[in-house]
Amino acid sequence: MKATISWWDLAGSDQTIDSLRDYLRDEGVDPWTEVPGLRLKFWISDRRTNRWGAVMLWDTTADLTAPMPPNRATELIGHPPAVRMMSDVEALVEGAHSGRPAGRGLAFEPTGTSS
């Protein structure tokens, strides 16, 4: 498996963590559900450092040159990520948890909930 990580610094952008959450809720998540070879994608934020990002976990055989949904984050934020990296996944484990499906994240929680 491969992992890709992208981090944007939102300084100087008109976008905020809250506006990007709105984007995810309104249109940003669903296009990724049909990407061949994508195991998992999750979006991340750090309000303290004003950063926004995404982590994607790919099958080893995934064609990462194949067409993907548009990179709307770059378009909305106004510049490419400050950090973009790809790594091999050495091990993967799912820890002991409640057994219930994970929630969809802060973007899908009632307004006013924050990290």
N, C-alpha and C. Protein backbone atom coordinates (compact mmCIF):
# COMPACT_ATOMS: atom_id res chain seq x y z
N MET A 1 0.84 -1.18 0.00
CA MET A 1 0.00 0.00 0.00
C MET A 1 0.88 1.24 0.00
N LYS A 2 0.28 2.32 -0.45
CA LYS A 2 0.92 3.63 -0.47
C LYS A 2 0.04 4.60 0.31
N ALA A 3 0.66 5.63 0.86
CA ALA A 3 -0.07 6.71 1.52
C ALA A 3 0.38 8.02 0.92
N THR A 4 -0.56 8.91 0.65
CA THR A 4 -0.22 10.26 0.23
C THR A 4 -0.75 11.23 1.27
N ILE A 5 0.05 12.25 1.51
CA ILE A 5 -0.30 13.27 2.50
C ILE A 5 -0.12 14.64 1.86
N SER A 6 -1.11 15.50 2.02
CA SER A 6 -1.03 16.88 1.53
C SER A 6 -1.42 17.81 2.66
N TRP A 7 -0.65 18.87 2.85
CA TRP A 7 -0.92 19.89 3.88
C TRP A 7 -0.88 21.26 3.24
N TRP A 8 -1.92 22.05 3.45
CA TRP A 8 -1.94 23.43 2.99
C TRP A 8 -1.81 24.35 4.19
N ASP A 9 -1.03 25.42 4.03
CA ASP A 9 -1.00 26.51 4.99
C ASP A 9 -2.05 27.51 4.51
N LEU A 10 -3.04 27.81 5.33
CA LEU A 10 -4.13 28.68 4.92
C LEU A 10 -3.83 30.17 5.07
N ALA A 11 -2.64 30.51 5.59
CA ALA A 11 -2.27 31.92 5.71
C ALA A 11 -2.28 32.54 4.31
N GLY A 12 -2.90 33.69 4.18
CA GLY A 12 -2.96 34.38 2.90
C GLY A 12 -4.07 33.90 1.99
N SER A 13 -4.82 32.89 2.40
CA SER A 13 -5.93 32.38 1.60
C SER A 13 -7.24 32.97 2.12
N ASP A 14 -8.22 33.11 1.24
CA ASP A 14 -9.54 33.53 1.67
C ASP A 14 -10.29 32.40 2.37
N GLN A 15 -9.78 31.18 2.27
CA GLN A 15 -10.43 30.01 2.87
C GLN A 15 -10.04 29.87 4.34
N THR A 16 -10.96 29.30 5.09
CA THR A 16 -10.72 28.98 6.50
C THR A 16 -11.05 27.51 6.72
N ILE A 17 -10.70 26.99 7.85
CA ILE A 17 -11.08 25.62 8.17
C ILE A 17 -12.60 25.48 8.09
N ASP A 18 -13.31 26.45 8.59
CA ASP A 18 -14.78 26.37 8.56
C ASP A 18 -15.32 26.40 7.13
N SER A 19 -14.77 27.24 6.27
CA SER A 19 -15.28 27.28 4.89
C SER A 19 -14.92 26.00 4.15
N LEU A 20 -13.77 25.42 4.46
CA LEU A 20 -13.40 24.16 3.82
C LEU A 20 -14.24 23.00 4.35
N ARG A 21 -14.65 23.07 5.60
CA ARG A 21 -15.61 22.08 6.12
C ARG A 21 -16.92 22.17 5.35
N ASP A 22 -17.38 23.39 5.09
CA ASP A 22 -18.60 23.56 4.30
C ASP A 22 -18.45 22.93 2.93
N TYR A 23 -17.30 23.15 2.29
CA TYR A 23 -17.02 22.55 0.98
C TYR A 23 -17.10 21.03 1.05
N LEU A 24 -16.49 20.43 2.08
CA LEU A 24 -16.55 18.96 2.22
C LEU A 24 -18.00 18.49 2.35
N ARG A 25 -18.73 19.14 3.21
CA ARG A 25 -20.11 18.75 3.47
C ARG A 25 -20.97 18.89 2.21
N ASP A 26 -20.75 19.96 1.45
CA ASP A 26 -21.60 20.26 0.30
C ASP A 26 -21.23 19.47 -0.96
N GLU A 27 -19.93 19.24 -1.19
CA GLU A 27 -19.54 18.62 -2.46
C GLU A 27 -18.23 17.86 -2.44
N GLY A 28 -17.40 18.04 -1.43
CA GLY A 28 -16.03 17.56 -1.51
C GLY A 28 -15.79 16.08 -1.27
N VAL A 29 -16.67 15.41 -0.56
CA VAL A 29 -16.41 14.03 -0.16
C VAL A 29 -16.86 13.02 -1.21
N ASP A 30 -18.10 13.14 -1.66
CA ASP A 30 -18.70 12.12 -2.52
C ASP A 30 -17.92 11.76 -3.78
N PRO A 31 -17.28 12.72 -4.48
CA PRO A 31 -16.56 12.32 -5.70
C PRO A 31 -15.45 11.29 -5.46
N TRP A 32 -14.97 11.19 -4.25
CA TRP A 32 -13.87 10.28 -3.95
C TRP A 32 -14.34 8.85 -3.68
N THR A 33 -15.63 8.62 -3.54
CA THR A 33 -16.12 7.28 -3.20
C THR A 33 -15.98 6.29 -4.34
N GLU A 34 -15.78 6.74 -5.54
CA GLU A 34 -15.69 5.85 -6.71
C GLU A 34 -14.29 5.78 -7.32
N VAL A 35 -13.28 6.25 -6.61
CA VAL A 35 -11.92 6.24 -7.17
C VAL A 35 -11.32 4.84 -7.03
N PRO A 36 -10.99 4.20 -8.17
CA PRO A 36 -10.42 2.86 -8.11
C PRO A 36 -9.09 2.83 -7.35
N GLY A 37 -8.96 1.87 -6.45
CA GLY A 37 -7.72 1.67 -5.71
C GLY A 37 -7.58 2.52 -4.46
N LEU A 38 -8.48 3.46 -4.24
CA LEU A 38 -8.43 4.28 -3.03
C LEU A 38 -9.08 3.52 -1.90
N ARG A 39 -8.32 3.20 -0.88
CA ARG A 39 -8.83 2.48 0.28
C ARG A 39 -9.53 3.40 1.26
N LEU A 40 -8.93 4.56 1.47
CA LEU A 40 -9.42 5.47 2.51
C LEU A 40 -8.88 6.86 2.22
N LYS A 41 -9.72 7.85 2.39
CA LYS A 41 -9.27 9.24 2.35
C LYS A 41 -9.87 9.93 3.54
N PHE A 42 -9.04 10.66 4.25
CA PHE A 42 -9.58 11.50 5.32
C PHE A 42 -8.91 12.86 5.27
N TRP A 43 -9.72 13.85 5.59
CA TRP A 43 -9.28 15.23 5.58
C TRP A 43 -8.94 15.62 7.00
N ILE A 44 -7.90 16.44 7.15
CA ILE A 44 -7.40 16.81 8.47
C ILE A 44 -7.25 18.33 8.57
N SER A 45 -7.32 18.83 9.79
CA SER A 45 -7.12 20.26 10.00
C SER A 45 -6.41 20.47 11.33
N ASP A 46 -5.75 21.60 11.43
CA ASP A 46 -5.10 22.01 12.67
C ASP A 46 -5.38 23.50 12.84
N ARG A 47 -6.37 23.80 13.64
CA ARG A 47 -6.78 25.19 13.83
C ARG A 47 -5.64 26.02 14.44
N ARG A 48 -4.85 25.42 15.30
CA ARG A 48 -3.75 26.14 15.97
C ARG A 48 -2.74 26.67 14.96
N THR A 49 -2.42 25.87 13.93
CA THR A 49 -1.43 26.29 12.94
C THR A 49 -2.07 26.76 11.63
N ASN A 50 -3.40 26.77 11.58
CA ASN A 50 -4.15 27.21 10.40
C ASN A 50 -3.78 26.38 9.17
N ARG A 51 -3.82 25.06 9.35
CA ARG A 51 -3.49 24.15 8.25
C ARG A 51 -4.66 23.24 7.94
N TRP A 52 -4.70 22.81 6.69
CA TRP A 52 -5.74 21.93 6.16
C TRP A 52 -5.04 20.87 5.32
N GLY A 53 -5.53 19.65 5.38
CA GLY A 53 -4.86 18.61 4.58
C GLY A 53 -5.73 17.41 4.32
N ALA A 54 -5.10 16.44 3.68
CA ALA A 54 -5.76 15.17 3.37
C ALA A 54 -4.72 14.06 3.40
N VAL A 55 -5.19 12.89 3.82
CA VAL A 55 -4.38 11.67 3.83
C VAL A 55 -5.15 10.63 3.03
N MET A 56 -4.46 9.96 2.12
CA MET A 56 -5.10 8.92 1.31
C MET A 56 -4.30 7.64 1.40
N LEU A 57 -5.01 6.55 1.52
CA LEU A 57 -4.41 5.22 1.58
C LEU A 57 -4.80 4.49 0.30
N TRP A 58 -3.80 4.00 -0.44
CA TRP A 58 -4.00 3.41 -1.76
C TRP A 58 -3.59 1.95 -1.80
N ASP A 59 -4.32 1.14 -2.57
CA ASP A 59 -3.86 -0.21 -2.89
C ASP A 59 -2.52 -0.11 -3.61
N THR A 60 -1.68 -1.10 -3.43
CA THR A 60 -0.38 -1.12 -4.10
C THR A 60 -0.54 -1.06 -5.62
N THR A 61 -1.60 -1.67 -6.13
CA THR A 61 -1.81 -1.73 -7.57
C THR A 61 -2.58 -0.52 -8.12
N ALA A 62 -2.93 0.44 -7.29
CA ALA A 62 -3.69 1.60 -7.75
C ALA A 62 -2.87 2.39 -8.77
N ASP A 63 -3.54 2.84 -9.81
CA ASP A 63 -2.90 3.68 -10.83
C ASP A 63 -3.06 5.13 -10.41
N LEU A 64 -2.02 5.67 -9.80
CA LEU A 64 -2.08 7.04 -9.28
C LEU A 64 -1.96 8.08 -10.38
N THR A 65 -1.77 7.64 -11.63
CA THR A 65 -1.77 8.57 -12.76
C THR A 65 -3.14 8.62 -13.44
N ALA A 66 -4.06 7.77 -13.01
CA ALA A 66 -5.40 7.75 -13.59
C ALA A 66 -6.15 9.03 -13.22
N PRO A 67 -7.15 9.40 -14.00
CA PRO A 67 -7.93 10.60 -13.67
C PRO A 67 -8.54 10.51 -12.27
N MET A 68 -8.49 11.61 -11.57
CA MET A 68 -9.04 11.72 -10.21
C MET A 68 -10.08 12.85 -10.21
N PRO A 69 -10.87 12.92 -9.17
CA PRO A 69 -11.76 14.09 -9.05
C PRO A 69 -10.91 15.37 -9.05
N PRO A 70 -11.49 16.48 -9.48
CA PRO A 70 -10.72 17.74 -9.50
C PRO A 70 -10.18 18.08 -8.12
N ASN A 71 -8.99 18.67 -8.10
CA ASN A 71 -8.38 19.09 -6.84
C ASN A 71 -8.94 20.45 -6.45
N ARG A 72 -10.15 20.42 -5.94
CA ARG A 72 -10.85 21.66 -5.57
C ARG A 72 -10.18 22.37 -4.40
N ALA A 73 -9.50 21.64 -3.53
CA ALA A 73 -8.84 22.30 -2.40
C ALA A 73 -7.81 23.30 -2.91
N THR A 74 -6.99 22.88 -3.86
CA THR A 74 -5.99 23.80 -4.42
C THR A 74 -6.67 25.00 -5.06
N GLU A 75 -7.74 24.73 -5.80
CA GLU A 75 -8.48 25.81 -6.45
C GLU A 75 -9.07 26.78 -5.42
N LEU A 76 -9.71 26.26 -4.39
CA LEU A 76 -10.34 27.10 -3.38
C LEU A 76 -9.31 27.86 -2.54
N ILE A 77 -8.26 27.16 -2.13
CA ILE A 77 -7.25 27.77 -1.27
C ILE A 77 -6.40 28.77 -2.06
N GLY A 78 -6.21 28.49 -3.34
CA GLY A 78 -5.49 29.44 -4.18
C GLY A 78 -4.03 29.13 -4.41
N HIS A 79 -3.57 28.02 -3.87
CA HIS A 79 -2.18 27.60 -4.10
C HIS A 79 -2.05 26.12 -3.78
N PRO A 80 -1.00 25.48 -4.32
CA PRO A 80 -0.82 24.05 -4.04
C PRO A 80 -0.42 23.82 -2.59
N PRO A 81 -0.49 22.57 -2.14
CA PRO A 81 -0.11 22.30 -0.75
C PRO A 81 1.36 22.64 -0.49
N ALA A 82 1.62 23.07 0.74
CA ALA A 82 3.00 23.35 1.16
C ALA A 82 3.79 22.05 1.27
N VAL A 83 3.10 20.97 1.61
CA VAL A 83 3.72 19.65 1.74
C VAL A 83 2.87 18.65 0.96
N ARG A 84 3.51 17.88 0.11
CA ARG A 84 2.84 16.77 -0.57
C ARG A 84 3.87 15.65 -0.61
N MET A 85 3.50 14.51 -0.07
CA MET A 85 4.43 13.39 -0.03
C MET A 85 3.72 12.07 -0.24
N MET A 86 4.47 11.11 -0.74
CA MET A 86 3.97 9.75 -0.90
C MET A 86 4.94 8.83 -0.18
N SER A 87 4.37 7.84 0.52
CA SER A 87 5.18 6.90 1.28
C SER A 87 4.64 5.50 1.11
N ASP A 88 5.51 4.53 1.36
CA ASP A 88 5.06 3.14 1.47
C ASP A 88 4.41 2.96 2.84
N VAL A 89 3.40 2.12 2.90
CA VAL A 89 2.78 1.79 4.18
C VAL A 89 3.44 0.50 4.66
N GLU A 90 4.11 0.57 5.77
CA GLU A 90 4.85 -0.58 6.31
C GLU A 90 3.96 -1.53 7.09
N ALA A 91 2.96 -1.01 7.75
CA ALA A 91 2.03 -1.85 8.52
C ALA A 91 0.75 -1.07 8.73
N LEU A 92 -0.31 -1.81 8.93
CA LEU A 92 -1.62 -1.20 9.15
C LEU A 92 -2.35 -2.04 10.19
N VAL A 93 -2.98 -1.37 11.14
CA VAL A 93 -3.74 -2.07 12.16
C VAL A 93 -4.97 -1.24 12.49
N GLU A 94 -6.03 -1.93 12.80
CA GLU A 94 -7.22 -1.25 13.30
C GLU A 94 -7.30 -1.60 14.78
N GLY A 95 -7.36 -0.59 15.62
CA GLY A 95 -7.37 -0.81 17.06
C GLY A 95 -8.72 -1.26 17.58
N ALA A 96 -8.73 -1.62 18.86
CA ALA A 96 -9.97 -2.01 19.53
C ALA A 96 -10.84 -0.78 19.67
N HIS A 97 -12.08 -0.89 19.23
CA HIS A 97 -12.99 0.24 19.29
C HIS A 97 -14.40 -0.26 19.50
N SER A 98 -15.36 0.62 19.45
CA SER A 98 -16.74 0.29 19.79
C SER A 98 -17.40 -0.67 18.81
N GLY A 99 -16.82 -0.82 17.62
CA GLY A 99 -17.43 -1.69 16.61
C GLY A 99 -18.44 -0.96 15.76
N ARG A 100 -18.87 0.22 16.21
CA ARG A 100 -19.78 1.03 15.40
C ARG A 100 -18.99 1.69 14.28
N PRO A 101 -19.65 1.98 13.17
CA PRO A 101 -18.95 2.69 12.09
C PRO A 101 -18.45 4.03 12.59
N ALA A 102 -17.29 4.42 12.09
CA ALA A 102 -16.74 5.72 12.46
C ALA A 102 -17.67 6.82 11.94
N GLY A 103 -17.73 7.92 12.63
CA GLY A 103 -18.51 9.06 12.15
C GLY A 103 -17.87 9.60 10.87
N ARG A 104 -18.52 10.54 10.25
CA ARG A 104 -18.01 11.09 9.00
C ARG A 104 -17.08 12.26 9.25
N GLY A 105 -16.91 12.72 10.49
CA GLY A 105 -15.98 13.80 10.79
C GLY A 105 -16.68 15.10 11.16
N LEU A 106 -15.87 16.07 11.56
CA LEU A 106 -16.38 17.35 12.04
C LEU A 106 -17.21 18.08 10.99
N ALA A 107 -16.88 17.93 9.72
CA ALA A 107 -17.63 18.63 8.67
C ALA A 107 -19.08 18.21 8.65
N PHE A 108 -19.39 17.03 9.17
CA PHE A 108 -20.76 16.52 9.13
C PHE A 108 -21.45 16.55 10.49
N GLU A 109 -20.79 17.15 11.50
CA GLU A 109 -21.41 17.30 12.81
C GLU A 109 -22.23 18.59 12.84
N PRO A 110 -23.13 18.71 13.81
CA PRO A 110 -23.93 19.95 13.88
C PRO A 110 -23.04 21.18 13.94
N THR A 111 -23.49 22.26 13.33
CA THR A 111 -22.74 23.52 13.29
C THR A 111 -22.42 23.95 14.71
N GLY A 112 -21.21 24.50 14.86
CA GLY A 112 -20.79 24.97 16.16
C GLY A 112 -19.85 24.01 16.86
N THR A 113 -19.72 22.77 16.35
CA THR A 113 -18.80 21.81 16.93
C THR A 113 -17.44 22.05 16.30
N SER A 114 -16.41 22.15 17.10
CA SER A 114 -15.07 22.38 16.54
C SER A 114 -14.05 21.54 17.26
N SER A 115 -12.85 21.52 16.67
CA SER A 115 -11.76 20.72 17.24
C SER A 115 -11.13 21.39 18.43
